[in-house]
């Protein structure tokens, strides 16, 4: 059971990173300088910029980032929670 909990935590960490990167990209129209993560400062800039968006753009940015994060979470979880195939030939 411990492995499953660790997998859920890891998948959530990956999804959170994807959410932040996607949100940054949707708000600024470009990826953050390091495309693999968003720093605390960049996250603060993103939050400030979100307040300047129209309601429709705000909703689209949040929804798009959520969709990407959820897809990645599911993909990571599924890929690593299934047992490896047997290497035996029957």
N, C-alpha and C. Protein backbone atom coordinates (compact mmCIF):
# COMPACT_ATOMS: atom_id res chain seq x y z
N UNK A 1 0.82 -1.20 0.00
CA UNK A 1 0.00 0.00 0.00
C UNK A 1 0.86 1.26 0.00
N UNK A 2 2.02 1.18 0.62
CA UNK A 2 2.91 2.34 0.68
C UNK A 2 3.33 2.79 -0.72
N UNK A 3 3.61 1.83 -1.60
CA UNK A 3 4.01 2.17 -2.96
C UNK A 3 2.91 2.92 -3.68
N UNK A 4 1.66 2.53 -3.48
CA UNK A 4 0.53 3.18 -4.12
C UNK A 4 0.38 4.62 -3.64
N UNK A 5 0.54 4.84 -2.35
CA UNK A 5 0.46 6.20 -1.80
C UNK A 5 1.58 7.05 -2.37
N UNK A 6 2.79 6.49 -2.42
CA UNK A 6 3.91 7.22 -3.00
C UNK A 6 3.65 7.55 -4.46
N UNK A 7 3.07 6.63 -5.19
CA UNK A 7 2.74 6.86 -6.60
C UNK A 7 1.74 7.99 -6.74
N UNK A 8 0.72 8.01 -5.89
CA UNK A 8 -0.27 9.09 -5.94
C UNK A 8 0.38 10.44 -5.66
N UNK A 9 1.26 10.48 -4.66
CA UNK A 9 1.95 11.73 -4.33
C UNK A 9 2.82 12.19 -5.49
N UNK A 10 3.57 11.24 -6.08
CA UNK A 10 4.45 11.58 -7.19
C UNK A 10 3.64 12.06 -8.40
N UNK A 11 2.56 11.37 -8.71
CA UNK A 11 1.72 11.77 -9.83
C UNK A 11 1.14 13.17 -9.59
N UNK A 12 0.78 13.46 -8.34
CA UNK A 12 0.25 14.78 -8.01
C UNK A 12 1.33 15.86 -8.16
N UNK A 13 2.56 15.56 -7.77
CA UNK A 13 3.65 16.51 -7.94
C UNK A 13 3.88 16.83 -9.42
N UNK A 14 3.87 15.79 -10.24
CA UNK A 14 4.06 15.98 -11.68
C UNK A 14 2.90 16.81 -12.25
N UNK A 15 1.69 16.49 -11.85
CA UNK A 15 0.51 17.23 -12.34
C UNK A 15 0.55 18.69 -11.89
N UNK A 16 1.00 18.94 -10.69
CA UNK A 16 1.10 20.32 -10.19
C UNK A 16 2.10 21.11 -11.01
N UNK A 17 3.22 20.50 -11.32
CA UNK A 17 4.23 21.17 -12.14
C UNK A 17 3.67 21.48 -13.53
N UNK A 18 2.99 20.51 -14.12
CA UNK A 18 2.39 20.71 -15.45
C UNK A 18 1.35 21.82 -15.39
N UNK A 19 0.54 21.83 -14.33
CA UNK A 19 -0.48 22.87 -14.17
C UNK A 19 0.17 24.26 -14.16
N UNK A 20 1.21 24.42 -13.38
CA UNK A 20 1.87 25.73 -13.27
C UNK A 20 2.51 26.16 -14.58
N UNK A 21 3.17 25.23 -15.26
CA UNK A 21 3.80 25.56 -16.54
C UNK A 21 2.74 25.92 -17.58
N UNK A 22 1.67 25.15 -17.65
CA UNK A 22 0.59 25.43 -18.62
C UNK A 22 -0.11 26.75 -18.31
N UNK A 23 -0.33 27.01 -17.04
CA UNK A 23 -0.97 28.26 -16.66
C UNK A 23 -0.08 29.45 -17.03
N UNK A 24 1.20 29.35 -16.75
CA UNK A 24 2.14 30.40 -17.12
C UNK A 24 2.10 30.63 -18.63
N UNK A 25 2.14 29.55 -19.38
CA UNK A 25 2.13 29.66 -20.85
C UNK A 25 0.84 30.30 -21.36
N UNK A 26 -0.28 29.94 -20.78
CA UNK A 26 -1.56 30.51 -21.22
C UNK A 26 -1.68 31.98 -20.86
N UNK A 27 -1.10 32.37 -19.74
CA UNK A 27 -1.19 33.76 -19.30
C UNK A 27 -0.22 34.66 -20.07
N UNK A 28 1.00 34.19 -20.28
CA UNK A 28 2.03 35.02 -20.90
C UNK A 28 2.26 34.71 -22.38
N UNK A 29 1.69 33.62 -22.88
CA UNK A 29 1.85 33.28 -24.29
C UNK A 29 3.19 32.67 -24.62
N UNK A 30 3.94 32.27 -23.61
CA UNK A 30 5.24 31.63 -23.80
C UNK A 30 5.51 30.74 -22.59
N UNK A 31 6.45 29.84 -22.76
CA UNK A 31 6.83 29.00 -21.64
C UNK A 31 7.72 29.78 -20.68
N UNK A 32 7.78 29.37 -19.42
CA UNK A 32 8.70 30.03 -18.49
C UNK A 32 10.14 29.80 -18.95
N UNK A 33 11.09 30.62 -18.47
CA UNK A 33 12.48 30.46 -18.92
C UNK A 33 13.01 29.03 -18.80
N UNK A 34 12.70 28.35 -17.69
CA UNK A 34 13.02 26.94 -17.58
C UNK A 34 11.71 26.21 -17.80
N UNK A 35 11.55 25.58 -18.94
CA UNK A 35 10.26 25.00 -19.32
C UNK A 35 9.84 23.81 -18.46
N UNK A 36 10.68 23.40 -17.52
CA UNK A 36 10.35 22.24 -16.70
C UNK A 36 9.68 22.59 -15.37
N UNK A 37 9.71 23.86 -14.98
CA UNK A 37 9.07 24.27 -13.74
C UNK A 37 8.85 25.78 -13.73
N UNK A 38 8.04 26.22 -12.80
CA UNK A 38 7.76 27.64 -12.59
C UNK A 38 8.27 28.00 -11.20
N UNK A 39 9.11 29.02 -11.12
CA UNK A 39 9.65 29.42 -9.82
C UNK A 39 8.56 30.12 -9.01
N UNK A 40 8.83 30.34 -7.74
CA UNK A 40 7.87 31.04 -6.87
C UNK A 40 7.63 32.45 -7.40
N UNK A 41 8.67 33.12 -7.87
CA UNK A 41 8.51 34.46 -8.42
C UNK A 41 7.67 34.48 -9.68
N UNK A 42 7.90 33.51 -10.54
CA UNK A 42 7.11 33.41 -11.78
C UNK A 42 5.66 33.07 -11.46
N UNK A 43 5.44 32.25 -10.43
CA UNK A 43 4.08 31.93 -10.03
C UNK A 43 3.37 33.17 -9.51
N UNK A 44 4.08 34.00 -8.75
CA UNK A 44 3.50 35.25 -8.25
C UNK A 44 3.16 36.19 -9.41
N UNK A 45 4.05 36.27 -10.42
CA UNK A 45 3.77 37.08 -11.61
C UNK A 45 2.53 36.57 -12.33
N UNK A 46 2.39 35.26 -12.41
CA UNK A 46 1.24 34.65 -13.07
C UNK A 46 -0.04 35.01 -12.33
N UNK A 47 -0.02 34.91 -11.01
CA UNK A 47 -1.20 35.24 -10.21
C UNK A 47 -1.59 36.71 -10.40
N UNK A 48 -0.60 37.59 -10.46
CA UNK A 48 -0.88 39.02 -10.68
C UNK A 48 -1.49 39.23 -12.05
N UNK A 49 -0.91 38.61 -13.05
CA UNK A 49 -1.40 38.75 -14.43
C UNK A 49 -2.81 38.18 -14.58
N UNK A 50 -3.12 37.11 -13.85
CA UNK A 50 -4.46 36.52 -13.92
C UNK A 50 -5.54 37.54 -13.54
N UNK A 51 -5.23 38.42 -12.60
CA UNK A 51 -6.22 39.42 -12.16
C UNK A 51 -6.50 40.44 -13.24
N UNK A 52 -5.61 40.55 -14.21
CA UNK A 52 -5.77 41.51 -15.29
C UNK A 52 -6.52 40.94 -16.50
N UNK A 53 -6.77 39.64 -16.50
CA UNK A 53 -7.43 39.00 -17.63
C UNK A 53 -8.95 39.20 -17.57
N UNK A 54 -9.56 39.12 -18.73
CA UNK A 54 -11.03 39.14 -18.76
C UNK A 54 -11.53 37.83 -18.14
N UNK A 55 -12.81 37.80 -17.80
CA UNK A 55 -13.37 36.59 -17.21
C UNK A 55 -13.22 35.38 -18.12
N UNK A 56 -13.46 35.59 -19.40
CA UNK A 56 -13.37 34.49 -20.36
C UNK A 56 -11.93 33.98 -20.48
N UNK A 57 -10.97 34.89 -20.58
CA UNK A 57 -9.57 34.49 -20.68
C UNK A 57 -9.09 33.82 -19.39
N UNK A 58 -9.54 34.34 -18.25
CA UNK A 58 -9.21 33.75 -16.96
C UNK A 58 -9.72 32.32 -16.90
N UNK A 59 -10.98 32.12 -17.25
CA UNK A 59 -11.59 30.79 -17.22
C UNK A 59 -10.88 29.84 -18.17
N UNK A 60 -10.55 30.32 -19.37
CA UNK A 60 -9.86 29.47 -20.35
C UNK A 60 -8.48 29.08 -19.86
N UNK A 61 -7.76 30.00 -19.23
CA UNK A 61 -6.42 29.70 -18.72
C UNK A 61 -6.48 28.65 -17.62
N UNK A 62 -7.39 28.81 -16.69
CA UNK A 62 -7.53 27.86 -15.59
C UNK A 62 -7.98 26.50 -16.10
N UNK A 63 -8.98 26.49 -16.95
CA UNK A 63 -9.51 25.23 -17.47
C UNK A 63 -8.47 24.48 -18.29
N UNK A 64 -7.74 25.19 -19.13
CA UNK A 64 -6.71 24.54 -19.94
C UNK A 64 -5.61 23.93 -19.09
N UNK A 65 -5.18 24.66 -18.07
CA UNK A 65 -4.14 24.15 -17.17
C UNK A 65 -4.66 22.95 -16.38
N UNK A 66 -5.90 23.01 -15.93
CA UNK A 66 -6.48 21.88 -15.19
C UNK A 66 -6.58 20.65 -16.06
N UNK A 67 -7.03 20.83 -17.29
CA UNK A 67 -7.16 19.69 -18.21
C UNK A 67 -5.81 19.02 -18.45
N UNK A 68 -4.79 19.84 -18.69
CA UNK A 68 -3.45 19.30 -18.93
C UNK A 68 -2.93 18.55 -17.70
N UNK A 69 -3.12 19.14 -16.53
CA UNK A 69 -2.65 18.51 -15.30
C UNK A 69 -3.38 17.19 -15.04
N UNK A 70 -4.67 17.17 -15.23
CA UNK A 70 -5.46 15.95 -15.00
C UNK A 70 -5.03 14.86 -15.96
N UNK A 71 -4.80 15.20 -17.22
CA UNK A 71 -4.37 14.22 -18.21
C UNK A 71 -3.02 13.62 -17.83
N UNK A 72 -2.10 14.47 -17.41
CA UNK A 72 -0.78 13.98 -17.01
C UNK A 72 -0.89 13.11 -15.76
N UNK A 73 -1.67 13.54 -14.79
CA UNK A 73 -1.85 12.74 -13.57
C UNK A 73 -2.34 11.34 -13.92
N UNK A 74 -3.37 11.26 -14.75
CA UNK A 74 -3.92 9.97 -15.14
C UNK A 74 -2.89 9.12 -15.88
N UNK A 75 -2.16 9.75 -16.78
CA UNK A 75 -1.18 9.01 -17.57
C UNK A 75 -0.06 8.47 -16.68
N UNK A 76 0.46 9.30 -15.79
CA UNK A 76 1.53 8.87 -14.88
C UNK A 76 1.03 7.76 -13.97
N UNK A 77 -0.15 7.95 -13.39
CA UNK A 77 -0.68 6.97 -12.46
C UNK A 77 -0.94 5.62 -13.14
N UNK A 78 -1.58 5.68 -14.31
CA UNK A 78 -1.87 4.42 -15.03
C UNK A 78 -0.59 3.70 -15.43
N UNK A 79 0.35 4.45 -15.95
CA UNK A 79 1.57 3.83 -16.46
C UNK A 79 2.35 3.13 -15.35
N UNK A 80 2.36 3.71 -14.17
CA UNK A 80 3.19 3.17 -13.09
C UNK A 80 2.43 2.32 -12.09
N UNK A 81 1.12 2.25 -12.20
CA UNK A 81 0.36 1.43 -11.25
C UNK A 81 0.06 0.04 -11.79
N UNK A 82 0.24 -0.16 -13.08
CA UNK A 82 -0.02 -1.48 -13.64
C UNK A 82 1.21 -2.37 -13.43
N UNK A 83 1.00 -3.62 -13.09
CA UNK A 83 2.14 -4.52 -12.87
C UNK A 83 2.88 -4.76 -14.19
N UNK A 84 4.18 -4.96 -14.13
CA UNK A 84 4.93 -5.23 -15.37
C UNK A 84 4.50 -6.55 -15.98
N UNK A 85 4.59 -6.60 -17.29
CA UNK A 85 4.23 -7.83 -18.00
C UNK A 85 5.25 -8.92 -17.66
N UNK A 86 4.77 -10.13 -17.65
CA UNK A 86 5.66 -11.26 -17.36
C UNK A 86 6.60 -11.45 -18.54
N UNK A 87 7.84 -11.76 -18.22
CA UNK A 87 8.80 -11.98 -19.30
C UNK A 87 8.88 -13.45 -19.71
N UNK A 88 8.02 -14.26 -19.10
CA UNK A 88 8.00 -15.69 -19.44
C UNK A 88 7.21 -15.94 -20.71
N UNK A 89 7.66 -16.89 -21.48
CA UNK A 89 6.96 -17.30 -22.70
C UNK A 89 6.16 -18.56 -22.37
N UNK A 90 4.88 -18.54 -22.66
CA UNK A 90 4.04 -19.71 -22.37
C UNK A 90 3.96 -20.61 -23.55
